[in-house]
N, C-alpha and C. Protein backbone atom coordinates (compact mmCIF):
# COMPACT_ATOMS: atom_id res chain seq x y z
N MET A 1 -48.70 -66.58 36.56
CA MET A 1 -49.42 -65.52 35.80
C MET A 1 -49.10 -64.20 36.27
N LYS A 2 -48.82 -63.81 37.34
CA LYS A 2 -48.18 -62.42 37.75
C LYS A 2 -46.92 -62.10 37.13
N ARG A 3 -45.93 -63.43 36.80
CA ARG A 3 -44.78 -63.10 36.73
C ARG A 3 -44.58 -62.59 35.07
N HIS A 4 -45.80 -62.74 34.34
CA HIS A 4 -45.79 -62.37 32.99
C HIS A 4 -46.29 -61.16 32.88
N ILE A 5 -46.94 -60.44 33.68
CA ILE A 5 -47.77 -59.28 33.51
C ILE A 5 -46.61 -58.11 33.26
N PRO A 6 -45.51 -58.29 33.64
CA PRO A 6 -44.45 -56.99 33.42
C PRO A 6 -43.72 -57.06 31.97
N LEU A 7 -43.94 -58.64 31.62
CA LEU A 7 -43.49 -59.13 30.27
C LEU A 7 -44.47 -58.58 29.07
N VAL A 8 -45.66 -58.94 29.19
CA VAL A 8 -46.58 -58.43 28.49
C VAL A 8 -46.54 -56.87 28.52
N LEU A 9 -46.70 -56.36 29.60
CA LEU A 9 -46.58 -54.62 29.35
C LEU A 9 -45.41 -54.13 28.89
N ALA A 10 -44.38 -54.88 28.63
CA ALA A 10 -43.31 -54.21 28.03
C ALA A 10 -43.34 -54.34 26.56
N ALA A 11 -43.78 -55.48 26.38
CA ALA A 11 -43.99 -56.00 24.85
C ALA A 11 -45.03 -55.18 24.49
N LEU A 12 -45.87 -54.71 24.91
CA LEU A 12 -47.27 -53.89 24.38
C LEU A 12 -46.69 -52.50 24.09
N VAL A 13 -45.91 -52.17 25.14
CA VAL A 13 -45.49 -50.90 24.94
C VAL A 13 -44.57 -50.44 24.13
N LEU A 14 -43.42 -51.65 23.99
CA LEU A 14 -42.61 -51.34 22.78
C LEU A 14 -43.24 -51.72 21.16
N ALA A 15 -44.16 -52.55 21.27
CA ALA A 15 -44.75 -52.63 20.09
C ALA A 15 -45.29 -51.44 19.47
N GLY A 16 -45.67 -50.53 20.37
CA GLY A 16 -46.17 -49.14 19.75
C GLY A 16 -45.51 -48.03 20.31
N CYS A 17 -44.26 -47.71 20.58
CA CYS A 17 -43.43 -46.77 20.83
C CYS A 17 -42.74 -46.32 19.94
N GLU A 18 -42.46 -44.98 20.02
CA GLU A 18 -41.59 -44.24 19.09
C GLU A 18 -41.52 -42.84 19.73
N VAL A 19 -40.38 -42.10 19.58
CA VAL A 19 -40.19 -40.74 19.63
C VAL A 19 -39.80 -40.11 18.38
N VAL A 20 -40.44 -39.57 17.74
CA VAL A 20 -40.18 -38.61 16.29
C VAL A 20 -39.60 -37.45 16.39
N PRO A 21 -38.56 -36.94 15.73
CA PRO A 21 -37.54 -37.89 15.02
C PRO A 21 -37.01 -38.69 16.03
N PRO A 22 -36.26 -39.99 15.68
CA PRO A 22 -35.33 -40.34 16.74
C PRO A 22 -34.08 -39.39 16.89
N ALA A 23 -33.41 -39.33 18.15
CA ALA A 23 -32.66 -38.39 18.71
C ALA A 23 -31.15 -38.85 18.23
N PRO A 24 -30.29 -37.91 17.82
CA PRO A 24 -28.88 -38.39 17.70
C PRO A 24 -28.43 -39.25 18.61
N THR A 25 -28.55 -38.90 20.12
CA THR A 25 -28.07 -39.44 20.95
C THR A 25 -29.18 -40.51 21.51
N GLU A 26 -28.66 -41.14 22.48
CA GLU A 26 -29.45 -42.37 23.10
C GLU A 26 -30.36 -41.54 23.99
N ARG A 27 -31.40 -42.04 24.20
CA ARG A 27 -32.44 -41.45 25.14
C ARG A 27 -32.94 -42.69 25.88
N ILE A 28 -33.36 -42.38 27.13
CA ILE A 28 -33.60 -43.18 28.67
C ILE A 28 -34.74 -42.48 28.84
N GLU A 29 -35.98 -43.38 28.80
CA GLU A 29 -37.36 -42.73 29.30
C GLU A 29 -37.78 -43.70 30.46
N VAL A 30 -38.45 -43.38 31.34
CA VAL A 30 -38.85 -44.03 32.45
C VAL A 30 -40.33 -44.08 32.33
N ILE A 31 -41.21 -45.09 32.42
CA ILE A 31 -42.52 -45.12 32.46
C ILE A 31 -42.90 -45.82 34.20
N GLU A 32 -43.52 -44.86 34.75
CA GLU A 32 -44.01 -45.68 36.29
C GLU A 32 -45.63 -45.68 35.85
N ARG A 33 -45.84 -47.13 36.46
CA ARG A 33 -47.23 -47.52 36.51
C ARG A 33 -47.74 -47.69 37.64
N GLY A 34 -49.23 -47.31 37.93
CA GLY A 34 -49.71 -47.40 39.18
C GLY A 34 -49.52 -49.11 39.89
N GLU A 35 -49.73 -49.04 40.86
CA GLU A 35 -49.87 -50.55 41.65
C GLU A 35 -51.14 -51.34 41.18
N THR A 36 -50.93 -52.55 40.99
CA THR A 36 -52.10 -53.54 40.73
C THR A 36 -51.95 -54.23 41.93
N GLN A 37 -53.00 -55.04 41.82
CA GLN A 37 -53.45 -56.12 43.01
C GLN A 37 -53.64 -57.46 42.38
N ARG A 38 -52.16 -57.69 41.87
CA ARG A 38 -51.95 -58.93 41.06
C ARG A 38 -52.28 -60.33 41.78
N ASP A 39 -52.13 -60.20 43.19
CA ASP A 39 -52.41 -61.33 44.06
C ASP A 39 -53.74 -61.55 44.62
N ALA A 40 -54.67 -60.60 44.32
CA ALA A 40 -56.02 -60.67 44.57
C ALA A 40 -56.63 -61.58 43.98
N PRO A 41 -58.03 -62.12 44.49
CA PRO A 41 -58.60 -63.37 43.85
C PRO A 41 -59.26 -62.72 42.43
N GLN A 42 -59.40 -63.69 41.78
CA GLN A 42 -59.94 -63.23 40.37
C GLN A 42 -61.01 -62.29 40.30
N GLU A 43 -62.20 -62.44 41.11
CA GLU A 43 -63.43 -61.81 41.30
C GLU A 43 -63.09 -60.43 41.62
N THR A 44 -61.81 -60.08 42.51
CA THR A 44 -61.66 -58.70 42.61
C THR A 44 -61.00 -58.25 41.81
N ARG A 45 -60.01 -58.73 40.82
CA ARG A 45 -59.13 -58.39 39.88
C ARG A 45 -60.46 -57.92 38.66
N GLU A 46 -61.48 -58.72 38.32
CA GLU A 46 -62.44 -58.33 37.36
C GLU A 46 -63.05 -57.33 37.94
N ALA A 47 -63.51 -57.19 38.88
CA ALA A 47 -64.23 -56.11 39.37
C ALA A 47 -63.29 -54.69 39.13
N GLN A 48 -61.99 -54.84 39.68
CA GLN A 48 -61.29 -53.85 39.36
C GLN A 48 -61.03 -53.40 37.80
N ARG A 49 -60.93 -54.40 37.05
CA ARG A 49 -60.82 -54.34 35.50
C ARG A 49 -61.95 -53.43 34.98
N ASP A 50 -63.10 -54.03 35.51
CA ASP A 50 -64.50 -53.28 34.94
C ASP A 50 -64.60 -51.69 35.58
N ALA A 51 -63.73 -51.84 36.71
CA ALA A 51 -63.85 -50.11 37.20
C ALA A 51 -62.50 -49.32 36.71
N THR A 52 -61.66 -49.80 36.02
CA THR A 52 -60.64 -48.92 35.55
C THR A 52 -61.31 -48.54 34.10
N PRO A 53 -60.84 -47.42 34.10
CA PRO A 53 -61.12 -46.42 32.61
C PRO A 53 -60.50 -47.30 31.45
N ALA A 54 -61.30 -47.30 30.61
CA ALA A 54 -60.81 -47.99 29.27
C ALA A 54 -59.66 -47.58 28.93
N ARG A 55 -58.90 -48.17 28.12
CA ARG A 55 -57.36 -47.83 27.24
C ARG A 55 -57.94 -47.01 26.31
N ALA A 56 -56.92 -45.96 26.04
CA ALA A 56 -56.98 -44.81 25.06
C ALA A 56 -57.11 -45.84 23.61
N ASN A 57 -57.82 -45.11 22.80
CA ASN A 57 -57.83 -45.75 21.46
C ASN A 57 -56.72 -45.27 20.54
N ARG A 58 -56.20 -46.24 19.77
CA ARG A 58 -55.10 -45.71 18.96
C ARG A 58 -55.48 -44.85 17.81
N GLU A 59 -55.17 -43.70 17.49
CA GLU A 59 -55.66 -43.06 16.56
C GLU A 59 -54.60 -42.86 15.30
N VAL A 60 -53.66 -43.60 15.40
CA VAL A 60 -52.75 -43.80 14.16
C VAL A 60 -52.97 -45.43 13.83
N ALA A 61 -53.18 -45.37 12.24
CA ALA A 61 -53.45 -46.84 12.05
C ALA A 61 -52.17 -47.45 11.62
N PHE A 62 -52.13 -48.93 11.89
CA PHE A 62 -50.72 -49.46 11.54
C PHE A 62 -50.29 -49.50 10.35
N PRO A 63 -49.18 -49.05 9.99
CA PRO A 63 -48.49 -48.72 8.75
C PRO A 63 -47.75 -50.22 8.09
N GLU A 64 -48.47 -50.80 7.19
CA GLU A 64 -48.26 -51.92 6.63
C GLU A 64 -46.86 -51.83 5.83
N SER A 65 -46.94 -50.92 5.09
CA SER A 65 -45.85 -50.64 4.33
C SER A 65 -44.50 -50.24 5.10
N GLU A 66 -44.62 -49.61 6.04
CA GLU A 66 -43.34 -49.52 6.83
C GLU A 66 -42.88 -50.64 7.64
N TYR A 67 -43.72 -51.53 7.95
CA TYR A 67 -43.43 -52.71 8.68
C TYR A 67 -42.65 -53.56 7.74
N ALA A 68 -43.26 -53.45 6.27
CA ALA A 68 -43.04 -54.42 5.31
C ALA A 68 -41.30 -54.41 4.88
N ARG A 69 -41.05 -53.28 5.35
CA ARG A 69 -39.76 -52.75 5.06
C ARG A 69 -38.46 -53.49 6.27
N LEU A 70 -39.10 -53.64 7.13
CA LEU A 70 -38.19 -54.18 8.40
C LEU A 70 -38.10 -55.61 8.33
N GLU A 71 -37.15 -56.10 8.86
CA GLU A 71 -36.56 -57.46 8.98
C GLU A 71 -37.26 -58.07 10.47
N LYS A 72 -37.41 -59.26 10.79
CA LYS A 72 -37.86 -59.71 11.78
C LYS A 72 -36.81 -60.49 12.58
N GLN A 73 -36.02 -61.23 11.82
CA GLN A 73 -35.01 -61.40 12.34
C GLN A 73 -33.11 -60.97 11.88
N GLY A 74 -32.24 -61.31 12.75
CA GLY A 74 -30.53 -60.82 12.02
C GLY A 74 -29.88 -61.50 13.08
N SER A 75 -28.58 -60.76 12.79
CA SER A 75 -27.74 -61.37 13.84
C SER A 75 -27.19 -60.36 14.67
N ALA A 76 -27.81 -59.50 15.05
CA ALA A 76 -27.29 -58.60 16.20
C ALA A 76 -27.69 -59.18 17.76
N VAL A 77 -27.00 -58.82 18.66
CA VAL A 77 -27.43 -59.26 20.08
C VAL A 77 -27.48 -58.19 20.87
N VAL A 78 -28.41 -58.11 21.86
CA VAL A 78 -28.68 -57.20 23.17
C VAL A 78 -28.42 -57.86 24.28
N SER A 79 -27.72 -57.24 25.09
CA SER A 79 -27.54 -58.09 26.65
C SER A 79 -27.40 -56.83 27.48
N GLY A 80 -27.90 -57.14 28.75
CA GLY A 80 -27.67 -56.19 29.63
C GLY A 80 -28.13 -56.76 31.17
N ARG A 81 -28.40 -55.50 32.32
CA ARG A 81 -28.52 -55.83 33.15
C ARG A 81 -29.91 -54.85 33.68
N LEU A 82 -31.20 -55.29 34.22
CA LEU A 82 -31.99 -54.44 34.54
C LEU A 82 -31.90 -54.32 35.96
N THR A 83 -31.85 -52.93 36.52
CA THR A 83 -31.63 -52.61 37.75
C THR A 83 -32.98 -51.52 38.19
N LEU A 84 -33.49 -51.61 39.43
CA LEU A 84 -34.18 -50.59 39.67
C LEU A 84 -34.01 -50.16 41.31
N SER A 85 -33.95 -48.87 41.54
CA SER A 85 -33.28 -48.43 42.90
C SER A 85 -32.13 -49.02 43.15
N GLY A 86 -31.19 -49.30 42.26
CA GLY A 86 -29.66 -49.91 42.43
C GLY A 86 -29.92 -51.51 42.69
N GLN A 87 -31.32 -52.13 42.55
CA GLN A 87 -31.01 -53.31 42.66
C GLN A 87 -31.43 -54.47 41.58
N PRO A 88 -30.83 -55.25 41.34
CA PRO A 88 -31.09 -56.14 40.12
C PRO A 88 -32.54 -56.85 40.19
N ILE A 89 -33.14 -56.99 39.23
CA ILE A 89 -34.42 -57.26 39.23
C ILE A 89 -34.67 -58.68 38.32
N PRO A 90 -34.81 -59.77 39.17
CA PRO A 90 -34.79 -61.12 38.76
C PRO A 90 -36.36 -61.37 38.10
N ASP A 91 -36.31 -62.16 37.03
CA ASP A 91 -37.42 -62.88 36.18
C ASP A 91 -38.17 -61.45 35.83
N ALA A 92 -37.67 -60.69 35.37
CA ALA A 92 -38.41 -59.42 34.71
C ALA A 92 -38.23 -59.57 33.26
N GLY A 93 -39.33 -58.99 32.69
CA GLY A 93 -39.75 -58.92 31.34
C GLY A 93 -38.96 -58.09 30.60
N VAL A 94 -38.17 -58.52 29.74
CA VAL A 94 -37.56 -57.38 28.75
C VAL A 94 -37.91 -57.68 27.39
N SER A 95 -38.00 -56.40 26.69
CA SER A 95 -38.38 -56.57 25.04
C SER A 95 -37.55 -55.68 24.21
N VAL A 96 -37.18 -55.84 23.03
CA VAL A 96 -36.50 -54.97 22.15
C VAL A 96 -37.73 -55.27 20.72
N ALA A 97 -38.00 -53.85 20.82
CA ALA A 97 -38.98 -53.82 19.33
C ALA A 97 -38.56 -52.54 18.53
N PRO A 98 -38.72 -52.55 16.95
CA PRO A 98 -38.51 -51.57 16.41
C PRO A 98 -39.12 -50.00 16.65
N VAL A 99 -38.25 -48.98 16.51
CA VAL A 99 -38.71 -47.98 16.48
C VAL A 99 -39.60 -47.42 15.14
N THR A 100 -40.95 -47.35 15.20
CA THR A 100 -41.61 -47.14 13.84
C THR A 100 -42.71 -45.63 13.98
N SER A 101 -43.21 -45.43 13.13
CA SER A 101 -44.06 -44.28 13.01
C SER A 101 -45.21 -44.61 13.96
N TYR A 102 -45.92 -45.93 13.64
CA TYR A 102 -46.69 -46.25 14.39
C TYR A 102 -46.60 -46.24 15.89
N SER A 103 -45.45 -46.32 16.24
CA SER A 103 -45.43 -46.45 17.94
C SER A 103 -45.26 -44.93 18.34
N ALA A 104 -45.21 -43.78 17.42
CA ALA A 104 -44.92 -42.58 17.93
C ALA A 104 -46.28 -42.32 19.10
N GLU A 105 -47.36 -42.34 18.91
CA GLU A 105 -48.56 -42.17 19.49
C GLU A 105 -48.46 -42.73 20.85
N ALA A 106 -48.21 -44.12 20.72
CA ALA A 106 -48.34 -44.77 22.09
C ALA A 106 -47.07 -44.62 23.22
N ALA A 107 -45.95 -44.17 22.36
CA ALA A 107 -44.69 -43.54 23.27
C ALA A 107 -45.22 -42.20 23.78
N GLU A 108 -45.81 -41.25 23.25
CA GLU A 108 -46.39 -39.91 23.91
C GLU A 108 -47.30 -40.40 25.04
N LYS A 109 -48.32 -41.34 24.72
CA LYS A 109 -49.19 -41.63 25.56
C LYS A 109 -48.47 -42.38 26.75
N ALA A 110 -47.93 -43.37 26.56
CA ALA A 110 -47.21 -44.04 27.50
C ALA A 110 -46.41 -43.15 28.38
N LEU A 111 -45.66 -42.34 27.97
CA LEU A 111 -44.68 -41.30 28.84
C LEU A 111 -45.50 -40.50 29.54
N ALA A 112 -47.05 -40.21 29.46
CA ALA A 112 -47.90 -39.33 29.68
C ALA A 112 -48.44 -39.88 30.97
N GLY A 113 -48.25 -41.36 31.03
CA GLY A 113 -48.87 -42.41 32.03
C GLY A 113 -50.42 -42.79 31.55
N ILE A 114 -50.52 -42.70 30.30
CA ILE A 114 -51.90 -43.16 29.55
C ILE A 114 -51.85 -44.28 28.72
N ALA A 115 -52.62 -45.51 28.91
CA ALA A 115 -52.35 -46.79 28.49
C ALA A 115 -53.27 -46.71 27.55
N VAL A 116 -52.84 -47.18 26.41
CA VAL A 116 -53.42 -47.23 24.93
C VAL A 116 -53.96 -48.59 24.78
N LYS A 117 -54.57 -48.84 23.86
CA LYS A 117 -55.01 -50.19 23.41
C LYS A 117 -53.89 -51.00 23.07
N PRO A 118 -53.85 -52.54 22.89
CA PRO A 118 -52.73 -53.22 22.65
C PRO A 118 -52.38 -52.83 21.24
N ALA A 119 -51.11 -53.12 21.00
CA ALA A 119 -50.73 -52.86 19.40
C ALA A 119 -51.11 -54.11 18.52
N ASP A 120 -51.14 -53.64 17.35
CA ASP A 120 -51.67 -54.70 16.14
C ASP A 120 -50.86 -55.57 16.35
N PRO A 121 -51.32 -57.10 16.31
CA PRO A 121 -50.53 -58.18 16.20
C PRO A 121 -49.69 -58.26 15.27
N ARG A 122 -49.75 -57.86 14.18
CA ARG A 122 -48.73 -57.81 13.19
C ARG A 122 -47.43 -56.78 13.87
N ALA A 123 -47.64 -55.74 14.48
CA ALA A 123 -46.42 -55.08 15.07
C ALA A 123 -45.56 -55.92 16.19
N ARG A 124 -46.58 -56.49 16.97
CA ARG A 124 -45.94 -57.63 18.04
C ARG A 124 -44.96 -58.69 17.31
N GLU A 125 -45.35 -59.01 15.98
CA GLU A 125 -44.52 -60.07 15.65
C GLU A 125 -42.95 -59.62 15.34
N TYR A 126 -42.55 -58.17 15.27
CA TYR A 126 -41.20 -57.81 15.51
C TYR A 126 -40.64 -57.57 16.49
N THR A 127 -41.32 -57.85 17.71
CA THR A 127 -40.96 -57.52 19.25
C THR A 127 -40.12 -58.95 19.53
N HIS A 128 -39.05 -58.68 20.03
CA HIS A 128 -38.45 -59.99 20.78
C HIS A 128 -38.36 -59.44 22.24
N THR A 129 -38.66 -60.82 22.92
CA THR A 129 -38.76 -60.78 24.51
C THR A 129 -37.85 -61.92 25.18
N THR A 130 -37.84 -61.54 26.27
CA THR A 130 -37.04 -62.48 27.19
C THR A 130 -37.21 -62.29 28.71
N ARG A 131 -36.85 -62.80 29.74
CA ARG A 131 -36.68 -62.71 30.84
C ARG A 131 -35.45 -62.80 31.40
N THR A 132 -35.11 -61.75 32.56
CA THR A 132 -33.71 -61.66 33.30
C THR A 132 -33.96 -62.88 34.04
N ASP A 133 -32.42 -63.06 34.35
CA ASP A 133 -32.12 -64.12 35.20
C ASP A 133 -31.98 -63.68 36.77
N GLY A 134 -31.78 -64.90 37.47
CA GLY A 134 -31.88 -64.40 38.98
C GLY A 134 -30.91 -63.11 39.47
N ASN A 135 -29.96 -62.50 38.67
CA ASN A 135 -29.24 -61.38 38.94
C ASN A 135 -29.61 -60.22 38.10
N GLY A 136 -30.88 -60.45 37.44
CA GLY A 136 -31.35 -59.09 36.38
C GLY A 136 -30.54 -59.10 35.15
N TYR A 137 -29.60 -60.16 34.79
CA TYR A 137 -29.07 -59.95 33.37
C TYR A 137 -30.15 -60.53 32.36
N PHE A 138 -29.90 -60.19 31.08
CA PHE A 138 -30.70 -60.85 30.09
C PHE A 138 -29.80 -60.70 28.67
N ARG A 139 -30.18 -61.31 27.79
CA ARG A 139 -29.53 -61.36 26.50
C ARG A 139 -30.88 -61.98 25.64
N ILE A 140 -30.84 -60.97 24.24
CA ILE A 140 -31.58 -61.34 23.26
C ILE A 140 -30.92 -61.20 21.88
N ALA A 141 -30.74 -62.22 21.31
CA ALA A 141 -29.99 -62.66 20.14
C ALA A 141 -31.18 -62.76 18.69
N GLY A 142 -30.73 -62.44 17.67
CA GLY A 142 -31.16 -62.86 16.59
C GLY A 142 -32.25 -61.43 15.97
N LEU A 143 -31.39 -60.30 16.21
CA LEU A 143 -32.22 -59.15 16.24
C LEU A 143 -31.44 -58.46 14.64
N PRO A 144 -32.50 -57.69 13.95
CA PRO A 144 -31.98 -57.35 12.81
C PRO A 144 -31.40 -55.99 13.17
N ALA A 145 -30.78 -55.54 12.04
CA ALA A 145 -30.11 -54.11 12.20
C ALA A 145 -31.34 -53.10 12.21
N GLY A 146 -31.05 -51.96 12.82
CA GLY A 146 -32.01 -50.86 13.01
C GLY A 146 -32.24 -50.22 14.14
N GLU A 147 -33.09 -49.34 14.19
CA GLU A 147 -33.55 -48.68 15.69
C GLU A 147 -34.46 -49.39 16.32
N PHE A 148 -34.20 -49.59 17.61
CA PHE A 148 -35.08 -50.30 18.49
C PHE A 148 -35.26 -49.54 19.68
N TYR A 149 -36.12 -50.04 20.60
CA TYR A 149 -36.40 -49.47 22.01
C TYR A 149 -36.19 -50.87 22.89
N VAL A 150 -35.38 -50.87 23.95
CA VAL A 150 -35.26 -51.96 24.68
C VAL A 150 -35.60 -51.51 26.07
N SER A 151 -36.85 -52.30 26.54
CA SER A 151 -37.60 -52.30 27.79
C SER A 151 -37.31 -53.34 28.57
N GLY A 152 -37.45 -52.95 29.90
CA GLY A 152 -37.35 -53.88 31.05
C GLY A 152 -38.42 -53.41 32.17
N ALA A 153 -39.31 -54.39 32.74
CA ALA A 153 -40.24 -54.08 33.47
C ALA A 153 -40.29 -54.93 34.85
N GLY A 154 -40.32 -54.28 35.51
CA GLY A 154 -40.68 -55.03 37.11
C GLY A 154 -40.86 -54.21 38.35
N PRO A 155 -40.83 -55.07 39.18
CA PRO A 155 -41.40 -54.07 40.41
C PRO A 155 -40.18 -53.33 41.39
N ASP A 156 -40.28 -52.21 41.72
CA ASP A 156 -39.31 -51.10 42.14
C ASP A 156 -38.96 -51.77 43.57
N PRO A 157 -37.76 -52.33 43.89
CA PRO A 157 -37.59 -53.01 45.16
C PRO A 157 -38.10 -52.09 46.52
N ARG A 158 -37.65 -50.82 46.29
CA ARG A 158 -38.09 -49.82 47.53
C ARG A 158 -39.56 -49.71 47.56
N THR A 159 -40.40 -49.40 46.34
CA THR A 159 -41.60 -49.04 46.70
C THR A 159 -42.60 -50.19 46.00
N GLY A 160 -42.28 -51.23 45.57
CA GLY A 160 -42.96 -52.39 44.95
C GLY A 160 -44.09 -52.02 43.82
N LYS A 161 -43.88 -51.12 43.38
CA LYS A 161 -44.60 -50.51 42.47
C LYS A 161 -44.08 -50.95 41.11
N PRO A 162 -44.80 -51.44 40.08
CA PRO A 162 -44.42 -51.82 38.62
C PRO A 162 -43.60 -50.58 38.01
N ARG A 163 -42.24 -50.64 37.49
CA ARG A 163 -41.91 -49.62 36.56
C ARG A 163 -41.40 -50.21 35.08
N VAL A 164 -41.32 -49.52 34.36
CA VAL A 164 -40.96 -49.81 32.71
C VAL A 164 -39.73 -48.90 32.66
N VAL A 165 -38.69 -49.16 32.02
CA VAL A 165 -37.69 -48.44 31.71
C VAL A 165 -37.17 -48.86 30.16
N ILE A 166 -36.96 -47.57 29.34
CA ILE A 166 -37.26 -47.73 27.83
C ILE A 166 -35.94 -47.03 27.31
N ARG A 167 -34.90 -47.90 26.62
CA ARG A 167 -33.90 -47.07 26.08
C ARG A 167 -33.95 -47.19 24.57
N GLN A 168 -33.66 -46.33 23.94
CA GLN A 168 -33.66 -46.45 22.43
C GLN A 168 -32.23 -46.39 22.08
N ILE A 169 -32.16 -47.41 21.06
CA ILE A 169 -30.72 -47.80 20.56
C ILE A 169 -30.66 -47.95 19.33
N SER A 170 -29.37 -48.16 18.70
CA SER A 170 -29.27 -48.56 17.06
C SER A 170 -28.53 -49.81 16.83
N LEU A 171 -28.74 -50.92 16.04
CA LEU A 171 -27.85 -52.02 16.10
C LEU A 171 -27.79 -51.99 14.69
N GLY A 172 -26.32 -52.61 14.44
CA GLY A 172 -25.81 -52.99 13.26
C GLY A 172 -25.99 -54.44 12.93
N ASN A 173 -25.60 -54.73 11.77
CA ASN A 173 -25.77 -56.39 11.43
C ASN A 173 -24.73 -56.89 12.30
N GLY A 174 -24.97 -58.11 12.94
CA GLY A 174 -23.96 -58.76 13.74
C GLY A 174 -23.39 -58.23 15.10
N GLN A 175 -23.94 -56.99 15.14
CA GLN A 175 -23.47 -56.19 16.66
C GLN A 175 -23.64 -56.83 17.66
N GLN A 176 -23.03 -56.81 18.64
CA GLN A 176 -23.48 -57.29 20.06
C GLN A 176 -23.27 -55.92 20.91
N ARG A 177 -24.24 -55.56 21.64
CA ARG A 177 -24.41 -54.10 22.33
C ARG A 177 -25.04 -54.51 23.70
N GLU A 178 -23.97 -53.85 24.54
CA GLU A 178 -24.34 -53.84 26.06
C GLU A 178 -25.31 -52.84 26.43
N VAL A 179 -26.75 -53.23 26.89
CA VAL A 179 -27.69 -52.15 27.17
C VAL A 179 -28.12 -52.04 28.62
N PRO A 180 -27.44 -51.11 29.28
CA PRO A 180 -27.95 -51.50 30.83
C PRO A 180 -29.39 -50.69 30.86
N LEU A 181 -30.28 -51.28 31.63
CA LEU A 181 -31.46 -50.90 32.03
C LEU A 181 -31.71 -50.55 33.38
N SER A 182 -31.93 -49.11 33.80
CA SER A 182 -31.61 -48.94 35.12
C SER A 182 -32.30 -47.69 35.24
N ARG A 183 -32.85 -47.56 36.65
CA ARG A 183 -33.49 -46.49 37.12
C ARG A 183 -33.21 -46.20 38.83
């Protein structure tokens, strides 16, 4: 269960992230999350969850027409390596999600360290996920052309704190792109 938390975090962040307007050059953003006690007994985790402030409400409605113009599948491939503090992060979640207007609000709040409510399930349908191998490498195939956030999440080897690295990229049809995720 605890191995899936970074993947879910990355997918939820990416399903609702955008920087408006997209910069002409690539952008790298790092989001640091506070420590969690994933190994604590369920009763402890539930008590902490109840004591944790609620996630911020989304103020921007899901833009059905914008997503209707996006493809869910394609022929592009993204691969790379997730490293934190110079060390590869094995078995970490990596996600690729389209940059949309819906995601602007979530991106601003996430970069400010504010958690928002989960993205609409319709947005998550456009998010592609995988896990890194034992050396931190990842590969995601079947991506459509467009603007995307590539995100990797895992524990920082120096501090043990969960971290998320987000990189914005452009993909063309059939393009194979190397995207290093590091902090």
